[in-house]
């Protein structure tokens, strides 16, 4: 049930003049590595094929250094995952300094 609810929400393009937007709160539950979802497509509860973008999660907007990177979070999307990667889409745990 939780997976189906999660797949109802997908990342989409931002609005005009919107550089940063807030991500809804998510609860991260640790699972064994063999149970994780990587890139590629999966089938949602409605039978729709959904792509998964492995979105990098950083502590802050620096995006550099091993200590700043936390994990890749699989986010559902209708677009190709490479589109988001080329656009530099990432999640940040704090608001950017230049905001």
N, C-alpha and C. Protein backbone atom coordinates (compact mmCIF):
# COMPACT_ATOMS: atom_id res chain seq x y z
N UNK A 1 0.83 -1.20 0.00
CA UNK A 1 0.00 0.00 0.00
C UNK A 1 0.87 1.25 0.00
N UNK A 2 1.89 1.30 0.81
CA UNK A 2 2.75 2.48 0.88
C UNK A 2 3.44 2.74 -0.45
N UNK A 3 3.92 1.67 -1.10
CA UNK A 3 4.59 1.82 -2.39
C UNK A 3 3.65 2.42 -3.41
N UNK A 4 2.41 1.95 -3.46
CA UNK A 4 1.46 2.47 -4.43
C UNK A 4 1.18 3.94 -4.19
N UNK A 5 1.04 4.33 -2.92
CA UNK A 5 0.82 5.73 -2.59
C UNK A 5 2.00 6.58 -3.03
N UNK A 6 3.22 6.08 -2.78
CA UNK A 6 4.43 6.80 -3.17
C UNK A 6 4.48 7.00 -4.68
N UNK A 7 4.06 6.01 -5.45
CA UNK A 7 4.13 6.10 -6.91
C UNK A 7 3.07 7.02 -7.49
N UNK A 8 2.10 7.44 -6.69
CA UNK A 8 1.10 8.41 -7.17
C UNK A 8 1.75 9.77 -7.36
N UNK A 9 2.81 10.06 -6.65
CA UNK A 9 3.49 11.34 -6.72
C UNK A 9 4.73 11.19 -7.59
N UNK A 10 4.94 12.13 -8.50
CA UNK A 10 6.09 12.06 -9.40
C UNK A 10 6.75 13.43 -9.45
N UNK A 11 8.08 13.46 -9.67
CA UNK A 11 8.74 14.75 -9.85
C UNK A 11 8.36 15.29 -11.22
N UNK A 12 8.15 16.60 -11.27
CA UNK A 12 7.77 17.27 -12.51
C UNK A 12 8.65 18.51 -12.68
N UNK A 13 8.58 19.11 -13.86
CA UNK A 13 9.34 20.34 -14.11
C UNK A 13 8.84 21.46 -13.19
N UNK A 14 9.76 22.32 -12.80
CA UNK A 14 9.39 23.45 -11.93
C UNK A 14 8.67 24.52 -12.74
N UNK A 15 8.03 25.41 -12.00
CA UNK A 15 7.31 26.50 -12.65
C UNK A 15 8.26 27.58 -13.13
N UNK A 16 7.73 28.57 -13.86
CA UNK A 16 8.57 29.65 -14.34
C UNK A 16 9.21 30.42 -13.18
N UNK A 17 10.47 30.77 -13.33
CA UNK A 17 11.24 31.52 -12.33
C UNK A 17 11.35 30.79 -10.99
N UNK A 18 11.14 29.49 -10.97
CA UNK A 18 11.26 28.71 -9.74
C UNK A 18 12.55 27.89 -9.81
N UNK A 19 13.53 28.28 -8.99
CA UNK A 19 14.82 27.59 -8.98
C UNK A 19 14.80 26.47 -7.94
N UNK A 20 14.23 26.76 -6.77
CA UNK A 20 14.15 25.79 -5.69
C UNK A 20 12.70 25.61 -5.30
N UNK A 21 12.32 24.39 -4.97
CA UNK A 21 10.99 24.14 -4.43
C UNK A 21 11.11 23.15 -3.29
N UNK A 22 10.12 23.17 -2.42
CA UNK A 22 10.17 22.32 -1.24
C UNK A 22 9.64 20.93 -1.57
N UNK A 23 10.33 19.92 -1.09
CA UNK A 23 9.93 18.53 -1.27
C UNK A 23 9.04 18.14 -0.09
N UNK A 24 7.97 17.39 -0.33
CA UNK A 24 7.16 16.94 0.81
C UNK A 24 7.99 16.09 1.76
N UNK A 25 7.62 16.08 3.03
CA UNK A 25 8.31 15.25 4.01
C UNK A 25 8.18 13.78 3.63
N UNK A 26 9.27 13.05 3.83
CA UNK A 26 9.25 11.62 3.54
C UNK A 26 9.83 10.88 4.73
N UNK A 27 9.33 9.72 4.95
CA UNK A 27 9.87 8.85 6.01
C UNK A 27 10.76 7.82 5.35
N UNK A 28 12.02 7.77 5.75
CA UNK A 28 12.96 6.80 5.20
C UNK A 28 13.03 5.60 6.14
N UNK A 29 12.73 4.43 5.60
CA UNK A 29 12.77 3.20 6.36
C UNK A 29 13.87 2.33 5.79
N UNK A 30 14.87 1.97 6.58
CA UNK A 30 15.96 1.15 6.06
C UNK A 30 15.48 -0.25 5.67
N UNK A 31 15.97 -0.72 4.53
CA UNK A 31 15.67 -2.07 4.06
C UNK A 31 16.96 -2.72 3.60
N UNK A 32 16.92 -4.03 3.44
CA UNK A 32 18.09 -4.74 2.94
C UNK A 32 18.37 -4.29 1.51
N UNK A 33 19.62 -4.19 1.13
CA UNK A 33 20.01 -3.66 -0.18
C UNK A 33 19.33 -4.39 -1.34
N UNK A 34 19.08 -5.68 -1.24
CA UNK A 34 18.47 -6.42 -2.33
C UNK A 34 17.01 -6.02 -2.56
N UNK A 35 16.41 -5.30 -1.61
CA UNK A 35 15.02 -4.89 -1.73
C UNK A 35 14.87 -3.46 -2.24
N UNK A 36 15.95 -2.78 -2.55
CA UNK A 36 15.87 -1.40 -2.98
C UNK A 36 15.52 -1.29 -4.45
N UNK A 37 14.99 -0.12 -4.85
CA UNK A 37 14.63 0.15 -6.24
C UNK A 37 15.68 1.07 -6.83
N UNK A 38 16.27 0.70 -7.92
CA UNK A 38 17.26 1.54 -8.58
C UNK A 38 16.67 2.25 -9.77
N UNK A 39 17.46 2.44 -10.81
CA UNK A 39 16.97 3.07 -12.02
C UNK A 39 16.15 2.07 -12.81
N UNK A 40 15.52 2.54 -13.86
CA UNK A 40 14.70 1.68 -14.70
C UNK A 40 13.24 1.97 -14.44
N UNK A 41 12.37 1.16 -15.00
CA UNK A 41 10.95 1.40 -14.82
C UNK A 41 10.33 0.30 -13.97
N UNK A 42 9.29 0.67 -13.24
CA UNK A 42 8.54 -0.29 -12.45
C UNK A 42 7.07 -0.06 -12.76
N UNK A 43 6.23 -0.98 -12.38
CA UNK A 43 4.80 -0.87 -12.64
C UNK A 43 4.11 -0.40 -11.36
N UNK A 44 3.34 0.69 -11.47
CA UNK A 44 2.62 1.22 -10.31
C UNK A 44 1.37 0.38 -10.05
N UNK A 45 0.67 0.69 -8.97
CA UNK A 45 -0.56 -0.02 -8.63
C UNK A 45 -1.63 0.11 -9.68
N UNK A 46 -1.63 1.20 -10.45
CA UNK A 46 -2.62 1.39 -11.51
C UNK A 46 -2.20 0.73 -12.81
N UNK A 47 -1.06 0.05 -12.83
CA UNK A 47 -0.59 -0.62 -14.03
C UNK A 47 0.25 0.27 -14.94
N UNK A 48 0.49 1.50 -14.52
CA UNK A 48 1.26 2.46 -15.31
C UNK A 48 2.76 2.22 -15.11
N UNK A 49 3.53 2.30 -16.19
CA UNK A 49 4.98 2.16 -16.09
C UNK A 49 5.57 3.48 -15.61
N UNK A 50 6.39 3.42 -14.57
CA UNK A 50 6.96 4.62 -13.96
C UNK A 50 8.48 4.49 -13.94
N UNK A 51 9.17 5.52 -14.42
CA UNK A 51 10.63 5.56 -14.38
C UNK A 51 11.06 5.98 -12.97
N UNK A 52 12.24 5.53 -12.54
CA UNK A 52 12.78 5.93 -11.25
C UNK A 52 14.07 6.70 -11.48
N UNK A 53 14.13 7.94 -10.95
CA UNK A 53 15.33 8.77 -11.04
C UNK A 53 16.09 8.66 -9.72
N UNK A 54 17.35 8.17 -9.75
CA UNK A 54 18.14 8.10 -8.52
C UNK A 54 18.66 9.49 -8.15
N UNK A 55 17.85 10.26 -7.44
CA UNK A 55 18.15 11.66 -7.12
C UNK A 55 19.15 11.75 -5.96
N UNK A 56 20.27 12.44 -6.17
CA UNK A 56 21.24 12.58 -5.08
C UNK A 56 20.72 13.51 -3.98
N UNK A 57 20.95 13.12 -2.74
CA UNK A 57 20.55 13.91 -1.58
C UNK A 57 21.82 14.42 -0.91
N UNK A 58 21.91 15.75 -0.75
CA UNK A 58 23.09 16.39 -0.16
C UNK A 58 22.71 17.10 1.13
N UNK A 59 23.67 17.26 2.03
CA UNK A 59 23.43 17.99 3.27
C UNK A 59 23.20 19.47 3.01
N UNK A 60 23.94 20.04 2.04
CA UNK A 60 23.80 21.47 1.72
C UNK A 60 24.04 21.70 0.23
N UNK A 61 23.98 22.94 -0.20
CA UNK A 61 24.06 23.26 -1.63
C UNK A 61 25.48 23.21 -2.20
N UNK A 62 26.47 22.91 -1.40
CA UNK A 62 27.85 22.85 -1.91
C UNK A 62 28.02 21.75 -2.95
N UNK A 63 27.35 20.62 -2.79
CA UNK A 63 27.40 19.48 -3.71
C UNK A 63 28.81 18.98 -3.96
N UNK A 64 29.69 19.14 -3.02
CA UNK A 64 31.06 18.65 -3.20
C UNK A 64 31.53 17.99 -1.91
N UNK A 65 32.45 17.08 -2.06
CA UNK A 65 33.00 16.40 -0.89
C UNK A 65 32.20 15.18 -0.50
N UNK A 66 32.90 14.16 -0.06
CA UNK A 66 32.24 12.92 0.33
C UNK A 66 31.35 13.10 1.55
N UNK A 67 31.70 14.04 2.42
CA UNK A 67 30.91 14.24 3.64
C UNK A 67 29.57 14.91 3.37
N UNK A 68 29.40 15.56 2.23
CA UNK A 68 28.18 16.27 1.90
C UNK A 68 27.12 15.35 1.29
N UNK A 69 27.53 14.35 0.53
CA UNK A 69 26.59 13.42 -0.12
C UNK A 69 26.03 12.45 0.91
N UNK A 70 24.71 12.23 0.87
CA UNK A 70 24.07 11.32 1.81
C UNK A 70 23.70 10.00 1.12
N UNK A 71 22.84 10.08 0.09
CA UNK A 71 22.41 8.88 -0.63
C UNK A 71 21.69 9.26 -1.91
N UNK A 72 21.48 8.28 -2.78
CA UNK A 72 20.63 8.45 -3.96
C UNK A 72 19.24 7.97 -3.59
N UNK A 73 18.25 8.82 -3.80
CA UNK A 73 16.88 8.51 -3.44
C UNK A 73 16.08 8.29 -4.72
N UNK A 74 15.52 7.11 -4.90
CA UNK A 74 14.75 6.80 -6.10
C UNK A 74 13.43 7.55 -6.11
N UNK A 75 13.27 8.50 -7.05
CA UNK A 75 12.03 9.27 -7.16
C UNK A 75 11.31 8.89 -8.45
N UNK A 76 9.99 8.64 -8.38
CA UNK A 76 9.24 8.29 -9.57
C UNK A 76 9.10 9.50 -10.51
N UNK A 77 9.15 9.23 -11.82
CA UNK A 77 9.02 10.28 -12.82
C UNK A 77 8.47 9.70 -14.12
N UNK A 78 7.78 10.55 -14.88
CA UNK A 78 7.31 10.12 -16.21
C UNK A 78 8.38 10.36 -17.26
N UNK A 79 9.32 11.27 -16.96
CA UNK A 79 10.40 11.58 -17.90
C UNK A 79 11.52 10.56 -17.76
N UNK A 80 12.43 10.58 -18.70
CA UNK A 80 13.62 9.73 -18.61
C UNK A 80 14.50 10.21 -17.46
N UNK A 81 15.05 9.31 -16.66
CA UNK A 81 15.93 9.71 -15.56
C UNK A 81 17.11 10.57 -16.02
N UNK A 82 17.61 10.33 -17.23
CA UNK A 82 18.74 11.13 -17.72
C UNK A 82 18.37 12.59 -17.91
N UNK A 83 17.09 12.90 -18.19
CA UNK A 83 16.66 14.29 -18.31
C UNK A 83 16.89 15.04 -17.00
N UNK A 84 16.56 14.40 -15.88
CA UNK A 84 16.73 15.02 -14.57
C UNK A 84 18.21 15.13 -14.22
N UNK A 85 18.97 14.13 -14.62
CA UNK A 85 20.41 14.14 -14.34
C UNK A 85 21.09 15.28 -15.09
N UNK A 86 20.74 15.45 -16.36
CA UNK A 86 21.33 16.53 -17.16
C UNK A 86 20.93 17.91 -16.64
N UNK A 87 19.75 18.01 -16.03
CA UNK A 87 19.29 19.28 -15.47
C UNK A 87 19.92 19.55 -14.10
N UNK A 88 20.62 18.58 -13.55
CA UNK A 88 21.28 18.78 -12.26
C UNK A 88 20.34 18.74 -11.08
N UNK A 89 19.23 18.01 -11.20
CA UNK A 89 18.24 17.94 -10.12
C UNK A 89 18.82 17.17 -8.94
N UNK A 90 18.71 17.76 -7.74
CA UNK A 90 19.19 17.13 -6.52
C UNK A 90 18.33 17.60 -5.35
N UNK A 91 18.38 16.86 -4.27
CA UNK A 91 17.69 17.24 -3.04
C UNK A 91 18.71 17.78 -2.05
N UNK A 92 18.30 18.81 -1.30
CA UNK A 92 19.16 19.42 -0.28
C UNK A 92 18.46 19.35 1.06
N UNK A 93 19.22 19.10 2.13
CA UNK A 93 18.64 19.03 3.47
C UNK A 93 18.47 20.40 4.12
N UNK A 94 19.05 21.43 3.54
CA UNK A 94 18.88 22.78 4.08
C UNK A 94 18.71 23.75 2.91
N UNK A 95 18.14 24.90 3.21
CA UNK A 95 17.92 25.90 2.17
C UNK A 95 19.27 26.41 1.66
N UNK A 96 19.38 26.67 0.34
CA UNK A 96 20.63 27.20 -0.21
C UNK A 96 20.97 28.56 0.39
N UNK A 97 22.27 28.84 0.50
CA UNK A 97 22.73 30.11 1.08
C UNK A 97 22.38 31.31 0.21
N UNK A 98 22.33 31.09 -1.11
CA UNK A 98 22.10 32.22 -2.03
C UNK A 98 20.65 32.44 -2.32
N UNK A 99 19.77 31.95 -1.51
CA UNK A 99 18.33 32.08 -1.76
C UNK A 99 17.82 33.42 -1.33
